[in-house]
Protein backbone atom coordinates (compact mmCIF):
# COMPACT_ATOMS: atom_id res chain seq x y z
CA MET A 1 17.83 -6.16 -5.50
CA SER A 2 14.25 -4.71 -6.01
CA VAL A 3 13.17 -4.22 -9.15
CA THR A 4 10.28 -1.82 -10.41
CA VAL A 5 7.15 -3.20 -13.17
CA VAL A 6 4.72 -1.07 -14.87
CA VAL A 7 2.16 -2.53 -16.45
CA ASN A 8 -0.46 -0.65 -18.81
CA PHE A 9 -4.04 -1.40 -20.26
CA VAL A 10 -6.58 0.25 -21.93
CA ALA A 11 -10.08 -0.88 -21.69
CA ALA A 12 -12.38 -1.51 -24.67
CA GLU A 13 -14.51 1.26 -25.03
CA GLY A 14 -18.10 0.75 -22.45
CA ARG A 15 -15.72 -1.97 -20.34
CA ALA A 16 -13.74 0.30 -17.98
CA GLU A 17 -15.56 -0.87 -14.91
CA GLN A 18 -15.58 -4.30 -15.75
CA LEU A 19 -11.89 -3.90 -16.27
CA LEU A 20 -11.24 -1.86 -12.62
CA ALA A 21 -13.22 -4.56 -11.02
CA LEU A 22 -10.51 -7.57 -12.09
CA LEU A 23 -7.71 -5.45 -11.93
CA ARG A 24 -8.52 -4.36 -7.94
CA GLU A 25 -8.74 -8.24 -7.82
CA GLY A 26 -5.24 -8.95 -9.47
CA ARG A 27 -3.54 -5.82 -7.13
CA ASP A 28 -4.96 -7.74 -4.34
CA ALA A 29 -3.81 -10.93 -5.23
CA SER A 30 -0.30 -9.39 -6.31
CA ARG A 31 0.37 -7.50 -2.75
CA ALA A 32 -0.26 -10.90 -1.06
CA ALA A 33 2.60 -12.67 -3.25
CA ASP A 34 6.00 -13.54 -2.23
CA GLY A 35 8.17 -10.82 -2.97
CA CYS A 36 6.02 -8.19 -3.49
CA GLU A 37 6.98 -4.56 -1.72
CA PHE A 38 4.72 -2.17 -3.35
CA PHE A 39 1.70 -2.13 -5.78
CA GLU A 40 -0.61 0.09 -6.68
CA LEU A 41 -3.36 0.27 -9.31
CA PHE A 42 -4.03 4.30 -11.26
CA GLN A 43 -6.69 4.81 -13.53
CA ARG A 44 -5.99 8.31 -15.78
CA GLU A 45 -8.06 11.32 -14.66
CA ASP A 46 -7.63 12.87 -18.38
CA ASP A 47 -8.70 9.38 -19.91
CA PRO A 48 -10.46 7.07 -17.68
CA LEU A 49 -10.21 3.64 -20.25
CA LYS A 50 -6.32 3.81 -19.16
CA PHE A 51 -4.99 1.97 -16.27
CA MET A 52 -1.36 1.24 -15.06
CA PHE A 53 -0.35 -1.29 -12.06
CA PHE A 54 3.43 0.48 -10.58
CA GLU A 55 5.15 -2.30 -8.67
CA ARG A 56 8.06 -3.17 -6.73
CA TRP A 57 9.34 -6.72 -6.24
CA THR A 58 12.05 -8.38 -4.20
CA SER A 59 13.03 -9.81 -7.62
CA LEU A 60 12.13 -10.02 -11.47
CA ASP A 61 11.63 -13.94 -10.25
CA ALA A 62 9.10 -12.77 -7.55
CA HIS A 63 7.21 -11.02 -9.96
CA HIS A 64 7.61 -13.84 -12.84
CA ASP A 65 6.37 -16.53 -9.66
CA ASN A 66 2.89 -14.21 -9.11
CA MET A 67 2.08 -13.89 -12.53
CA ALA A 68 2.42 -17.94 -13.26
CA ARG A 69 0.53 -18.77 -10.26
CA ASN A 70 -1.78 -16.17 -9.20
CA ILE A 71 -2.77 -14.26 -12.81
CA ASP A 72 -1.87 -16.94 -15.30
CA ALA A 73 -2.86 -20.17 -13.80
CA THR A 74 -5.94 -18.92 -11.91
CA GLY A 75 -7.47 -17.92 -15.26
CA HIS A 76 -7.37 -14.06 -14.26
CA LEU A 77 -5.56 -12.80 -17.29
CA GLY A 78 -8.00 -14.80 -19.09
CA LYS A 79 -10.96 -12.42 -17.74
CA ILE A 80 -8.92 -9.42 -18.42
CA LEU A 81 -7.61 -10.01 -22.22
CA PRO A 82 -11.16 -9.26 -23.67
CA LEU A 83 -11.96 -6.31 -21.81
CA LEU A 84 -8.80 -4.71 -23.30
CA ASP A 85 -8.65 -2.06 -26.51
CA GLY A 86 -5.16 -3.78 -27.77
CA SER A 87 -2.42 -4.93 -26.11
CA ILE A 88 -1.09 -5.23 -22.41
CA ASP A 89 2.11 -2.86 -22.24
CA ASN A 90 4.73 -3.89 -19.67
CA GLY A 91 8.45 -3.40 -18.54
CA VAL A 92 10.73 -3.19 -16.15
CA LEU A 93 11.97 0.36 -15.18
CA GLU A 94 15.89 1.33 -14.49
CA ALA A 95 16.66 4.55 -12.36
CA ARG A 96 19.26 6.51 -13.76
């Protein structure tokens, strides 16, 4: 059964363009990962410091495997964290 994951990021003031470039890299790597069915990056029109990943995976394990292999182990996450204002907000969505 597929899972939908949403991840929200808020860029620190003056860091939106740097963050956007890294988020695009992460999106592209994740799209190529096993188990990825859909992966899109959005930037809020009313607040350009706010970004969101909207993802669909074949399983939560596939999502976690992608994070471990393509985002954490490569150091990609470590490049993103200093550009944020606050922490990353993420979760799995459930249709009602």
